[in-house]
Amino acid sequence: MFGIPGKQAVTLTPAAVRQIRRLMDMQHSAGLRIGVKKGGCAGMEYTMDYVADVNPMDEVIEQDGARVMIAPMAQMFLFGTEIDYETSLLESTFKFNNPNVAEACGCGESIKFKDQPAA
């Protein structure tokens, strides 16, 4: 929908690929759907949900057995994003390295996007 021919909307690091495949196997899902919604102190939050079926309107990213679907309304906000999975002493989490983010809240749970040009 908002892509550039021949270029994936998002990329996955090897750590993210391993974790997404692990989650797909555990939940017997077709993949993870990524989106954005209003919320948090900065205004927007990422969403991740298990899906049983691929929506024909989703942007589908497949990499080494991992499958991520991007909800149609989130595609313009996520284009160019690298998804990583990090494990530290206190937490394990997906990290979105998104060039479209203008600022994030202090806790890292919500984001504000750069102004998007009118369609």
PDB file of N, CA and C in Angstrom:
ATOM      1  N   MET A   1       0.831  -1.195   0.000  1.00  0.00           N
ATOM      2  CA  MET A   1       0.000   0.000   0.000  1.00  0.00           C
ATOM      3  C   MET A   1       0.872   1.255   0.000  1.00  0.00           C
ATOM      4  N   PHE A   2       1.830   1.359   0.945  1.00  0.00           N
ATOM      5  CA  PHE A   2       2.701   2.522   1.029  1.00  0.00           C
ATOM      6  C   PHE A   2       4.145   2.165   0.710  1.00  0.00           C
ATOM      7  N   GLY A   3       4.381   0.998   0.148  1.00  0.00           N
ATOM      8  CA  GLY A   3       5.727   0.506  -0.046  1.00  0.00           C
ATOM      9  C   GLY A   3       6.408   1.039  -1.288  1.00  0.00           C
ATOM     10  N   ILE A   4       7.667   0.696  -1.369  1.00  0.00           N
ATOM     11  CA  ILE A   4       8.477   0.966  -2.544  1.00  0.00           C
ATOM     12  C   ILE A   4       8.726  -0.386  -3.192  1.00  0.00           C
ATOM     13  N   PRO A   5       8.441  -0.528  -4.493  1.00  0.00           N
ATOM     14  CA  PRO A   5       8.632  -1.832  -5.132  1.00  0.00           C
ATOM     15  C   PRO A   5      10.038  -2.369  -4.898  1.00  0.00           C
ATOM     16  N   GLY A   6      10.108  -3.641  -4.494  1.00  0.00           N
ATOM     17  CA  GLY A   6      11.391  -4.288  -4.256  1.00  0.00           C
ATOM     18  C   GLY A   6      11.999  -4.025  -2.888  1.00  0.00           C
ATOM     19  N   LYS A   7      11.330  -3.232  -2.040  1.00  0.00           N
ATOM     20  CA  LYS A   7      11.866  -2.925  -0.706  1.00  0.00           C
ATOM     21  C   LYS A   7      10.831  -3.314   0.337  1.00  0.00           C
ATOM     22  N   GLN A   8      11.269  -4.105   1.325  1.00  0.00           N
ATOM     23  CA  GLN A   8      10.370  -4.493   2.404  1.00  0.00           C
ATOM     24  C   GLN A   8      10.054  -3.291   3.283  1.00  0.00           C
ATOM     25  N   ALA A   9       8.830  -3.271   3.812  1.00  0.00           N
ATOM     26  CA  ALA A   9       8.409  -2.178   4.685  1.00  0.00           C
ATOM     27  C   ALA A   9       9.199  -2.173   5.986  1.00  0.00           C
ATOM     28  N   VAL A  10       9.445  -3.351   6.544  1.00  0.00           N
ATOM     29  CA  VAL A  10      10.242  -3.475   7.761  1.00  0.00           C
ATOM     30  C   VAL A  10      11.270  -4.578   7.561  1.00  0.00           C
ATOM     31  N   THR A  11      12.329  -4.523   8.357  1.00  0.00           N
ATOM     32  CA  THR A  11      13.327  -5.592   8.365  1.00  0.00           C
ATOM     33  C   THR A  11      13.392  -6.183   9.758  1.00  0.00           C
ATOM     34  N   LEU A  12      13.828  -7.417   9.833  1.00  0.00           N
ATOM     35  CA  LEU A  12      13.927  -8.132  11.095  1.00  0.00           C
ATOM     36  C   LEU A  12      15.376  -8.516  11.342  1.00  0.00           C
ATOM     37  N   THR A  13      15.844  -8.298  12.558  1.00  0.00           N
ATOM     38  CA  THR A  13      17.186  -8.755  12.912  1.00  0.00           C
ATOM     39  C   THR A  13      17.131 -10.268  13.132  1.00  0.00           C
ATOM     40  N   PRO A  14      18.278 -10.950  13.121  1.00  0.00           N
ATOM     41  CA  PRO A  14      18.274 -12.394  13.400  1.00  0.00           C
ATOM     42  C   PRO A  14      17.627 -12.747  14.743  1.00  0.00           C
ATOM     43  N   ALA A  15      17.838 -11.920  15.768  1.00  0.00           N
ATOM     44  CA  ALA A  15      17.216 -12.172  17.079  1.00  0.00           C
ATOM     45  C   ALA A  15      15.696 -12.072  16.995  1.00  0.00           C
ATOM     46  N   ALA A  16      15.181 -11.105  16.243  1.00  0.00           N
ATOM     47  CA  ALA A  16      13.734 -10.960  16.077  1.00  0.00           C
ATOM     48  C   ALA A  16      13.172 -12.143  15.300  1.00  0.00           C
ATOM     49  N   VAL A  17      13.875 -12.577  14.265  1.00  0.00           N
ATOM     50  CA  VAL A  17      13.433 -13.739  13.479  1.00  0.00           C
ATOM     51  C   VAL A  17      13.299 -14.960  14.388  1.00  0.00           C
ATOM     52  N   ARG A  18      14.312 -15.223  15.207  1.00  0.00           N
ATOM     53  CA  ARG A  18      14.275 -16.381  16.109  1.00  0.00           C
ATOM     54  C   ARG A  18      13.088 -16.302  17.070  1.00  0.00           C
ATOM     55  N   GLN A  19      12.852 -15.125  17.652  1.00  0.00           N
ATOM     56  CA  GLN A  19      11.761 -14.986  18.619  1.00  0.00           C
ATOM     57  C   GLN A  19      10.399 -15.081  17.942  1.00  0.00           C
ATOM     58  N   ILE A  20      10.246 -14.488  16.783  1.00  0.00           N
ATOM     59  CA  ILE A  20       8.955 -14.564  16.074  1.00  0.00           C
ATOM     60  C   ILE A  20       8.666 -16.009  15.684  1.00  0.00           C
ATOM     61  N   ARG A  21       9.658 -16.728  15.178  1.00  0.00           N
ATOM     62  CA  ARG A  21       9.454 -18.147  14.846  1.00  0.00           C
ATOM     63  C   ARG A  21       9.071 -18.939  16.086  1.00  0.00           C
ATOM     64  N   ARG A  22       9.745 -18.666  17.206  1.00  0.00           N
ATOM     65  CA  ARG A  22       9.439 -19.347  18.466  1.00  0.00           C
ATOM     66  C   ARG A  22       7.984 -19.076  18.877  1.00  0.00           C
ATOM     67  N   LEU A  23       7.558 -17.826  18.796  1.00  0.00           N
ATOM     68  CA  LEU A  23       6.179 -17.469  19.158  1.00  0.00           C
ATOM     69  C   LEU A  23       5.168 -18.098  18.205  1.00  0.00           C
ATOM     70  N   MET A  24       5.489 -18.104  16.915  1.00  0.00           N
ATOM     71  CA  MET A  24       4.592 -18.733  15.935  1.00  0.00           C
ATOM     72  C   MET A  24       4.415 -20.216  16.250  1.00  0.00           C
ATOM     73  N   ASP A  25       5.504 -20.898  16.581  1.00  0.00           N
ATOM     74  CA  ASP A  25       5.429 -22.326  16.906  1.00  0.00           C
ATOM     75  C   ASP A  25       4.638 -22.569  18.186  1.00  0.00           C
ATOM     76  N   MET A  26       4.900 -21.773  19.215  1.00  0.00           N
ATOM     77  CA  MET A  26       4.218 -21.944  20.507  1.00  0.00           C
ATOM     78  C   MET A  26       2.716 -21.719  20.386  1.00  0.00           C
ATOM     79  N   GLN A  27       2.321 -20.729  19.603  1.00  0.00           N
ATOM     80  CA  GLN A  27       0.911 -20.352  19.500  1.00  0.00           C
ATOM     81  C   GLN A  27       0.214 -20.972  18.294  1.00  0.00           C
ATOM     82  N   HIS A  28       0.967 -21.715  17.474  1.00  0.00           N
ATOM     83  CA  HIS A  28       0.432 -22.306  16.241  1.00  0.00           C
ATOM     84  C   HIS A  28      -0.257 -21.234  15.393  1.00  0.00           C
ATOM     85  N   SER A  29       0.425 -20.114  15.218  1.00  0.00           N
ATOM     86  CA  SER A  29      -0.151 -18.989  14.492  1.00  0.00           C
ATOM     87  C   SER A  29       0.492 -18.848  13.117  1.00  0.00           C
ATOM     88  N   ALA A  30      -0.180 -18.089  12.264  1.00  0.00           N
ATOM     89  CA  ALA A  30       0.348 -17.801  10.930  1.00  0.00           C
ATOM     90  C   ALA A  30       1.400 -16.702  10.980  1.00  0.00           C
ATOM     91  N   GLY A  31       1.502 -16.014  12.110  1.00  0.00           N
ATOM     92  CA  GLY A  31       2.484 -14.941  12.263  1.00  0.00           C
ATOM     93  C   GLY A  31       2.014 -13.911  13.262  1.00  0.00           C
ATOM     94  N   LEU A  32       2.704 -12.774  13.261  1.00  0.00           N
ATOM     95  CA  LEU A  32       2.366 -11.665  14.149  1.00  0.00           C
ATOM     96  C   LEU A  32       1.924 -10.472  13.314  1.00  0.00           C
ATOM     97  N   ARG A  33       0.811  -9.859  13.686  1.00  0.00           N
ATOM     98  CA  ARG A  33       0.351  -8.637  13.033  1.00  0.00           C
ATOM     99  C   ARG A  33       0.803  -7.456  13.880  1.00  0.00           C
ATOM    100  N   ILE A  34       1.469  -6.523  13.212  1.00  0.00           N
ATOM    101  CA  ILE A  34       1.987  -5.335  13.874  1.00  0.00           C
ATOM    102  C   ILE A  34       1.160  -4.142  13.440  1.00  0.00           C
ATOM    103  N   GLY A  35       0.833  -3.293  14.390  1.00  0.00           N
ATOM    104  CA  GLY A  35       0.082  -2.093  14.086  1.00  0.00           C
ATOM    105  C   GLY A  35       0.438  -0.975  15.042  1.00  0.00           C
ATOM    106  N   VAL A  36      -0.296   0.104  14.949  1.00  0.00           N
ATOM    107  CA  VAL A  36      -0.172   1.214  15.883  1.00  0.00           C
ATOM    108  C   VAL A  36      -1.570   1.630  16.313  1.00  0.00           C
ATOM    109  N   LYS A  37      -1.664   2.150  17.531  1.00  0.00           N
ATOM    110  CA  LYS A  37      -2.946   2.648  18.027  1.00  0.00           C
ATOM    111  C   LYS A  37      -2.687   3.870  18.882  1.00  0.00           C
ATOM    112  N   LYS A  38      -3.729   4.656  19.076  1.00  0.00           N
ATOM    113  CA  LYS A  38      -3.620   5.810  19.959  1.00  0.00           C
ATOM    114  C   LYS A  38      -3.502   5.320  21.389  1.00  0.00           C
ATOM    115  N   GLY A  39      -2.602   5.977  22.133  1.00  0.00           N
ATOM    116  CA  GLY A  39      -2.449   5.608  23.528  1.00  0.00           C
ATOM    117  C   GLY A  39      -1.103   6.025  24.068  1.00  0.00           C
ATOM    118  N   GLY A  40      -0.942   5.898  25.364  1.00  0.00           N
ATOM    119  CA  GLY A  40       0.316   6.244  26.011  1.00  0.00           C
ATOM    120  C   GLY A  40       0.501   7.735  26.138  1.00  0.00           C
ATOM    121  N   CYS A  41       1.523   8.120  26.876  1.00  0.00           N
ATOM    122  CA  CYS A  41       1.741   9.537  27.146  1.00  0.00           C
ATOM    123  C   CYS A  41       2.300  10.290  25.938  1.00  0.00           C
ATOM    124  N   ALA A  42       2.905   9.597  24.969  1.00  0.00           N
ATOM    125  CA  ALA A  42       3.420  10.274  23.777  1.00  0.00           C
ATOM    126  C   ALA A  42       2.407  10.295  22.637  1.00  0.00           C
ATOM    127  N   GLY A  43       1.315   9.526  22.763  1.00  0.00           N
ATOM    128  CA  GLY A  43       0.246   9.608  21.775  1.00  0.00           C
ATOM    129  C   GLY A  43      -0.045   8.350  20.983  1.00  0.00           C
ATOM    130  N   MET A  44       0.958   7.492  20.724  1.00  0.00           N
ATOM    131  CA  MET A  44       0.743   6.278  19.939  1.00  0.00           C
ATOM    132  C   MET A  44       1.512   5.123  20.573  1.00  0.00           C
ATOM    133  N   GLU A  45       1.017   3.912  20.345  1.00  0.00           N
ATOM    134  CA  GLU A  45       1.663   2.706  20.841  1.00  0.00           C
ATOM    135  C   GLU A  45       1.709   1.662  19.730  1.00  0.00           C
ATOM    136  N   TYR A  46       2.735   0.835  19.754  1.00  0.00           N
ATOM    137  CA  TYR A  46       2.801  -0.299  18.841  1.00  0.00           C
ATOM    138  C   TYR A  46       1.889  -1.400  19.372  1.00  0.00           C
ATOM    139  N   THR A  47       1.323  -2.191  18.466  1.00  0.00           N
ATOM    140  CA  THR A  47       0.547  -3.366  18.847  1.00  0.00           C
ATOM    141  C   THR A  47       1.143  -4.585  18.156  1.00  0.00           C
ATOM    142  N   MET A  48       1.056  -5.728  18.808  1.00  0.00           N
ATOM    143  CA  MET A  48       1.468  -7.007  18.224  1.00  0.00           C
ATOM    144  C   MET A  48       0.433  -8.036  18.636  1.00  0.00           C
ATOM    145  N   ASP A  49      -0.105  -8.760  17.653  1.00  0.00           N
ATOM    146  CA  ASP A  49      -1.115  -9.779  17.924  1.00  0.00           C
ATOM    147  C   ASP A  49      -0.807 -11.030  17.121  1.00  0.00           C
ATOM    148  N   TYR A  50      -1.114 -12.195  17.688  1.00  0.00           N
ATOM    149  CA  TYR A  50      -1.033 -13.439  16.941  1.00  0.00           C
ATOM    150  C   TYR A  50      -2.179 -13.465  15.941  1.00  0.00           C
ATOM    151  N   VAL A  51      -1.942 -14.025  14.772  1.00  0.00           N
ATOM    152  CA  VAL A  51      -3.006 -14.146  13.783  1.00  0.00           C
ATOM    153  C   VAL A  51      -3.062 -15.576  13.260  1.00  0.00           C
ATOM    154  N   ALA A  52      -4.287 -16.012  12.965  1.00  0.00           N
ATOM    155  CA  ALA A  52      -4.499 -17.345  12.401  1.00  0.00           C
ATOM    156  C   ALA A  52      -4.470 -17.300  10.881  1.00  0.00           C
ATOM    157  N   ASP A  53      -4.902 -16.177  10.307  1.00  0.00           N
ATOM    158  CA  ASP A  53      -4.990 -16.036   8.851  1.00  0.00           C
ATOM    159  C   ASP A  53      -4.358 -14.720   8.424  1.00  0.00           C
ATOM    160  N   VAL A  54      -3.853 -14.698   7.214  1.00  0.00           N
ATOM    161  CA  VAL A  54      -3.278 -13.485   6.641  1.00  0.00           C
ATOM    162  C   VAL A  54      -4.406 -12.672   6.016  1.00  0.00           C
ATOM    163  N   ASN A  55      -4.506 -11.408   6.412  1.00  0.00           N
ATOM    164  CA  ASN A  55      -5.474 -10.490   5.819  1.00  0.00           C
ATOM    165  C   ASN A  55      -4.922 -10.051   4.462  1.00  0.00           C
ATOM    166  N   PRO A  56      -5.716 -10.140   3.390  1.00  0.00           N
ATOM    167  CA  PRO A  56      -5.191  -9.758   2.072  1.00  0.00           C
ATOM    168  C   PRO A  56      -4.745  -8.297   1.974  1.00  0.00           C
ATOM    169  N   MET A  57      -5.185  -7.440   2.899  1.00  0.00           N
ATOM    170  CA  MET A  57      -4.789  -6.036   2.878  1.00  0.00           C
ATOM    171  C   MET A  57      -3.478  -5.788   3.639  1.00  0.00           C
ATOM    172  N   ASP A  58      -3.029  -6.776   4.402  1.00  0.00           N
ATOM    173  CA  ASP A  58      -1.795  -6.628   5.175  1.00  0.00           C
ATOM    174  C   ASP A  58      -0.574  -6.678   4.262  1.00  0.00           C
ATOM    175  N   GLU A  59       0.456  -5.959   4.645  1.00  0.00           N
ATOM    176  CA  GLU A  59       1.785  -6.097   4.047  1.00  0.00           C
ATOM    177  C   GLU A  59       2.422  -7.284   4.761  1.00  0.00           C
ATOM    178  N   VAL A  60       2.848  -8.298   4.022  1.00  0.00           N
ATOM    179  CA  VAL A  60       3.406  -9.502   4.621  1.00  0.00           C
ATOM    180  C   VAL A  60       4.917  -9.504   4.429  1.00  0.00           C
ATOM    181  N   ILE A  61       5.627  -9.643   5.540  1.00  0.00           N
ATOM    182  CA  ILE A  61       7.083  -9.723   5.542  1.00  0.00           C
ATOM    183  C   ILE A  61       7.445 -11.131   6.002  1.00  0.00           C
ATOM    184  N   GLU A  62       8.153 -11.870   5.153  1.00  0.00           N
ATOM    185  CA  GLU A  62       8.614 -13.205   5.524  1.00  0.00           C
ATOM    186  C   GLU A  62      10.121 -13.228   5.448  1.00  0.00           C
ATOM    187  N   GLN A  63      10.730 -13.688   6.531  1.00  0.00           N
ATOM    188  CA  GLN A  63      12.191 -13.722   6.599  1.00  0.00           C
ATOM    189  C   GLN A  63      12.611 -14.949   7.389  1.00  0.00           C
ATOM    190  N   ASP A  64      13.266 -15.879   6.735  1.00  0.00           N
ATOM    191  CA  ASP A  64      13.815 -17.077   7.385  1.00  0.00           C
ATOM    192  C   ASP A  64      12.798 -17.811   8.253  1.00  0.00           C
ATOM    193  N   GLY A  65      11.562 -17.935   7.779  1.00  0.00           N
ATOM    194  CA  GLY A  65      10.529 -18.660   8.509  1.00  0.00           C
ATOM    195  C   GLY A  65       9.701 -17.822   9.450  1.00  0.00           C
ATOM    196  N   ALA A  66      10.078 -16.587   9.673  1.00  0.00           N
ATOM    197  CA  ALA A  66       9.286 -15.672  10.512  1.00  0.00           C
ATOM    198  C   ALA A  66       8.358 -14.877   9.603  1.00  0.00           C
ATOM    199  N   ARG A  67       7.115 -14.674  10.051  1.00  0.00           N
ATOM    200  CA  ARG A  67       6.142 -13.924   9.257  1.00  0.00           C
ATOM    201  C   ARG A  67       5.534 -12.814  10.109  1.00  0.00           C
ATOM    202  N   VAL A  68       5.618 -11.601   9.557  1.00  0.00           N
ATOM    203  CA  VAL A  68       5.047 -10.426  10.197  1.00  0.00           C
ATOM    204  C   VAL A  68       4.088  -9.791   9.197  1.00  0.00           C
ATOM    205  N   MET A  69       2.901  -9.466   9.675  1.00  0.00           N
ATOM    206  CA  MET A  69       1.925  -8.765   8.858  1.00  0.00           C
ATOM    207  C   MET A  69       1.770  -7.353   9.413  1.00  0.00           C
ATOM    208  N   ILE A  70       1.726  -6.390   8.511  1.00  0.00           N
ATOM    209  CA  ILE A  70       1.567  -5.000   8.935  1.00  0.00           C
ATOM    210  C   ILE A  70       0.160  -4.563   8.558  1.00  0.00           C
ATOM    211  N   ALA A  71      -0.595  -4.155   9.554  1.00  0.00           N
ATOM    212  CA  ALA A  71      -1.963  -3.692   9.340  1.00  0.00           C
ATOM    213  C   ALA A  71      -1.962  -2.505   8.375  1.00  0.00           C
ATOM    214  N   PRO A  72      -2.960  -2.411   7.500  1.00  0.00           N
ATOM    215  CA  PRO A  72      -2.964  -1.356   6.477  1.00  0.00           C
ATOM    216  C   PRO A  72      -2.780   0.061   7.010  1.00  0.00           C
ATOM    217  N   MET A  73      -3.435   0.415   8.101  1.00  0.00           N
ATOM    218  CA  MET A  73      -3.339   1.781   8.615  1.00  0.00           C
ATOM    219  C   MET A  73      -1.997   2.064   9.290  1.00  0.00           C
ATOM    220  N   ALA A  74      -1.211   1.030   9.559  1.00  0.00           N
ATOM    221  CA  ALA A  74       0.090   1.211  10.215  1.00  0.00           C
ATOM    222  C   ALA A  74       1.241   1.283   9.222  1.00  0.00           C
ATOM    223  N   GLN A  75       1.004   0.918   7.968  1.00  0.00           N
ATOM    224  CA  GLN A  75       2.087   0.797   7.003  1.00  0.00           C
ATOM    225  C   GLN A  75       2.878   2.086   6.834  1.00  0.00           C
ATOM    226  N   MET A  76       2.208   3.210   6.748  1.00  0.00           N
ATOM    227  CA  MET A  76       2.944   4.466   6.531  1.00  0.00           C
ATOM    228  C   MET A  76       3.769   4.867   7.755  1.00  0.00           C
ATOM    229  N   PHE A  77       3.359   4.416   8.948  1.00  0.00           N
ATOM    230  CA  PHE A  77       4.101   4.746  10.160  1.00  0.00           C
ATOM    231  C   PHE A  77       5.297   3.826  10.379  1.00  0.00           C
ATOM    232  N   LEU A  78       5.259   2.624   9.811  1.00  0.00           N
ATOM    233  CA  LEU A  78       6.285   1.626  10.072  1.00  0.00           C
ATOM    234  C   LEU A  78       7.299   1.474   8.947  1.00  0.00           C
ATOM    235  N   PHE A  79       7.081   2.122   7.821  1.00  0.00           N
ATOM    236  CA  PHE A  79       7.984   1.943   6.689  1.00  0.00           C
ATOM    237  C   PHE A  79       9.408   2.340   7.081  1.00  0.00           C
ATOM    238  N   GLY A  80      10.355   1.447   6.826  1.00  0.00           N
ATOM    239  CA  GLY A  80      11.755   1.704   7.150  1.00  0.00           C
ATOM    240  C   GLY A  80      12.177   1.231   8.532  1.00  0.00           C
ATOM    241  N   THR A  81      11.278   0.615   9.282  1.00  0.00           N
ATOM    242  CA  THR A  81      11.556   0.187  10.647  1.00  0.00           C
ATOM    243  C   THR A  81      12.339  -1.116  10.680  1.00  0.00           C
ATOM    244  N   GLU A  82      13.297  -1.183  11.592  1.00  0.00           N
ATOM    245  CA  GLU A  82      13.993  -2.433  11.889  1.00  0.00           C
ATOM    246  C   GLU A  82      13.442  -2.937  13.217  1.00  0.00           C
ATOM    247  N   ILE A  83      13.004  -4.206  13.235  1.00  0.00           N
ATOM    248  CA  ILE A  83      12.499  -4.808  14.458  1.00  0.00           C
ATOM    249  C   ILE A  83      13.580  -5.728  15.011  1.00  0.00           C
ATOM    250  N   ASP A  84      13.924  -5.516  16.275  1.00  0.00           N
ATOM    251  CA  ASP A  84      14.940  -6.306  16.951  1.00  0.00           C
ATOM    252  C   ASP A  84      14.302  -6.951  18.177  1.00  0.00           C
ATOM    253  N   TYR A  85      14.971  -7.937  18.730  1.00  0.00           N
ATOM    254  CA  TYR A  85      14.534  -8.543  19.984  1.00  0.00           C
ATOM    255  C   TYR A  85      15.723  -8.533  20.917  1.00  0.00           C
ATOM    256  N   GLU A  86      15.552  -7.905  22.074  1.00  0.00           N
ATOM    257  CA  GLU A  86      16.646  -7.750  23.014  1.00  0.00           C
ATOM    258  C   GLU A  86      16.306  -8.421  24.337  1.00  0.00           C
ATOM    259  N   THR A  87      17.306  -9.047  24.916  1.00  0.00           N
ATOM    260  CA  THR A  87      17.166  -9.677  26.224  1.00  0.00           C
ATOM    261  C   THR A  87      18.199  -9.066  27.155  1.00  0.00           C
ATOM    262  N   SER A  88      17.730  -8.589  28.311  1.00  0.00           N
ATOM    263  CA  SER A  88      18.632  -8.035  29.316  1.00  0.00           C
ATOM    264  C   SER A  88      18.375  -8.759  30.631  1.00  0.00           C
ATOM    265  N   LEU A  89      19.037  -8.324  31.658  1.00  0.00           N
ATOM    266  CA  LEU A  89      18.883  -8.936  32.971  1.00  0.00           C
ATOM    267  C   LEU A  89      17.448  -8.844  33.483  1.00  0.00           C
ATOM    268  N   LEU A  90      16.758  -7.739  33.178  1.00  0.00           N
ATOM    269  CA  LEU A  90      15.426  -7.508  33.729  1.00  0.00           C
ATOM    270  C   LEU A  90      14.270  -7.715  32.758  1.00  0.00           C
ATOM    271  N   GLU A  91      14.544  -7.699  31.451  1.00  0.00           N
ATOM    272  CA  GLU A  91      13.431  -7.818  30.513  1.00  0.00           C
ATOM    273  C   GLU A  91      13.878  -8.384  29.175  1.00  0.00           C
ATOM    274  N   SER A  92      12.897  -8.890  28.452  1.00  0.00           N
ATOM    275  CA  SER A  92      13.071  -9.306  27.068  1.00  0.00           C
ATOM    276  C   SER A  92      11.951  -8.640  26.291  1.00  0.00           C
ATOM    277  N   THR A  93      12.311  -7.971  25.174  1.00  0.00           N
ATOM    278  CA  THR A  93      11.297  -7.205  24.469  1.00  0.00           C
ATOM    279  C   THR A  93      11.678  -6.983  23.016  1.00  0.00           C
ATOM    280  N   PHE A  94      10.654  -6.765  22.194  1.00  0.00           N
ATOM    281  CA  PHE A  94      10.888  -6.331  20.832  1.00  0.00           C
ATOM    282  C   PHE A  94      11.205  -4.845  20.857  1.00  0.00           C
ATOM    283  N   LYS A  95      12.177  -4.431  20.073  1.00  0.00           N
ATOM    284  CA  LYS A  95      12.547  -3.023  19.936  1.00  0.00           C
ATOM    285  C   LYS A  95      12.280  -2.606  18.495  1.00  0.00           C
ATOM    286  N   PHE A  96      11.618  -1.481  18.334  1.00  0.00           N
ATOM    287  CA  PHE A  96      11.318  -0.938  17.010  1.00  0.00           C
ATOM    288  C   PHE A  96      12.254   0.237  16.763  1.00  0.00           C
ATOM    289  N   ASN A  97      13.188   0.063  15.852  1.00  0.00           N
ATOM    290  CA  ASN A  97      14.092   1.146  15.453  1.00  0.00           C
ATOM    291  C   ASN A  97      13.443   1.814  14.242  1.00  0.00           C
ATOM    292  N   ASN A  98      12.630   2.830  14.524  1.00  0.00           N
ATOM    293  CA  ASN A  98      11.747   3.417  13.527  1.00  0.00           C
ATOM    294  C   ASN A  98      12.200   4.836  13.182  1.00  0.00           C
ATOM    295  N   PRO A  99      12.578   5.074  11.916  1.00  0.00           N
ATOM    296  CA  PRO A  99      13.029   6.416  11.524  1.00  0.00           C
ATOM    297  C   PRO A  99      11.904   7.448  11.477  1.00  0.00           C
ATOM    298  N   ASN A 100      10.652   7.004  11.604  1.00  0.00           N
ATOM    299  CA  ASN A 100       9.503   7.907  11.541  1.00  0.00           C
ATOM    300  C   ASN A 100       9.104   8.472  12.899  1.00  0.00           C
ATOM    301  N   VAL A 101       9.787   8.062  13.965  1.00  0.00           N
ATOM    302  CA  VAL A 101       9.443   8.499  15.315  1.00  0.00           C
ATOM    303  C   VAL A 101      10.141   9.815  15.634  1.00  0.00           C
ATOM    304  N   ALA A 102       9.358  10.774  16.088  1.00  0.00           N
ATOM    305  CA  ALA A 102       9.901  12.081  16.470  1.00  0.00           C
ATOM    306  C   ALA A 102      10.344  12.089  17.928  1.00  0.00           C
ATOM    307  N   GLU A 103       9.580  11.409  18.809  1.00  0.00           N
ATOM    308  CA  GLU A 103       9.926  11.355  20.224  1.00  0.00           C
ATOM    309  C   GLU A 103       9.247  10.157  20.867  1.00  0.00           C
ATOM    310  N   ALA A 104       9.771   9.756  22.013  1.00  0.00           N
ATOM    311  CA  ALA A 104       9.206   8.650  22.778  1.00  0.00           C
ATOM    312  C   ALA A 104       9.077   9.083  24.230  1.00  0.00           C
ATOM    313  N   CYS A 105       8.163   8.443  24.940  1.00  0.00           N
ATOM    314  CA  CYS A 105       7.998   8.775  26.358  1.00  0.00           C
ATOM    315  C   CYS A 105       9.163   8.189  27.146  1.00  0.00           C
ATOM    316  N   GLY A 106       9.301   8.582  28.373  1.00  0.00           N
ATOM    317  CA  GLY A 106      10.408   8.148  29.204  1.00  0.00           C
ATOM    318  C   GLY A 106      10.432   6.656  29.465  1.00  0.00           C
ATOM    319  N   CYS A 107       9.265   6.026  29.551  1.00  0.00           N
ATOM    320  CA  CYS A 107       9.237   4.589  29.823  1.00  0.00           C
ATOM    321  C   CYS A 107       9.439   3.764  28.554  1.00  0.00           C
ATOM    322  N   GLY A 108       9.391   4.403  27.388  1.00  0.00           N
ATOM    323  CA  GLY A 108       9.626   3.700  26.135  1.00  0.00           C
ATOM    324  C   GLY A 108       8.432   2.941  25.599  1.00  0.00           C
ATOM    325  N   GLU A 109       7.275   3.115  26.209  1.00  0.00           N
ATOM    326  CA  GLU A 109       6.088   2.378  25.785  1.00  0.00           C
ATOM    327  C   GLU A 109       5.266   3.081  24.712  1.00  0.00           C
ATOM    328  N   SER A 110       5.438   4.387  24.554  1.00  0.00           N
ATOM    329  CA  SER A 110       4.653   5.080  23.538  1.00  0.00           C
ATOM    330  C   SER A 110       5.544   6.044  22.757  1.00  0.00           C
ATOM    331  N   ILE A 111       5.044   6.428  21.590  1.00  0.00           N
ATOM    332  CA  ILE A 111       5.818   7.217  20.642  1.00  0.00           C
ATOM    333  C   ILE A 111       4.971   8.301  20.017  1.00  0.00           C
ATOM    334  N   LYS A 112       5.656   9.257  19.418  1.00  0.00           N
ATOM    335  CA  LYS A 112       5.005  10.294  18.627  1.00  0.00           C
ATOM    336  C   LYS A 112       5.712  10.282  17.273  1.00  0.00           C
ATOM    337  N   PHE A 113       4.927  10.261  16.212  1.00  0.00           N
ATOM    338  CA  PHE A 113       5.501  10.222  14.874  1.00  0.00           C
ATOM    339  C   PHE A 113       5.746  11.613  14.333  1.00  0.00           C
ATOM    340  N   LYS A 114       6.711  11.699  13.423  1.00  0.00           N
ATOM    341  CA  LYS A 114       6.955  12.948  12.709  1.00  0.00           C
ATOM    342  C   LYS A 114       5.705  13.278  11.921  1.00  0.00           C
ATOM    343  N   ASP A 115       5.489  14.564  11.663  1.00  0.00           N
ATOM    344  CA  ASP A 115       4.321  14.952  10.877  1.00  0.00           C
ATOM    345  C   ASP A 115       4.381  14.279   9.523  1.00  0.00           C
ATOM    346  N   GLN A 116       3.257  13.695   9.150  1.00  0.00           N
ATOM    347  CA  GLN A 116       3.147  13.011   7.871  1.00  0.00           C
ATOM    348  C   GLN A 116       2.550  13.987   6.855  1.00  0.00           C
ATOM    349  N   PRO A 117       3.052  13.994   5.613  1.00  0.00           N
ATOM    350  CA  PRO A 117       2.467  14.859   4.604  1.00  0.00           C
ATOM    351  C   PRO A 117       1.046  14.424   4.287  1.00  0.00           C
ATOM    352  N   ALA A 118       0.213  15.369   3.929  1.00  0.00           N
ATOM    353  CA  ALA A 118      -1.173  15.048   3.580  1.00  0.00           C
ATOM    354  C   ALA A 118      -1.197  14.203   2.322  1.00  0.00           C
ATOM    355  N   ALA A 119      -2.128  13.231   2.284  1.00  0.00           N
ATOM    356  CA  ALA A 119      -2.215  12.334   1.126  1.00  0.00           C
ATOM    357  C   ALA A 119      -2.874  13.021  -0.043  1.00  0.00           C
TER     358      ALA A 119
END
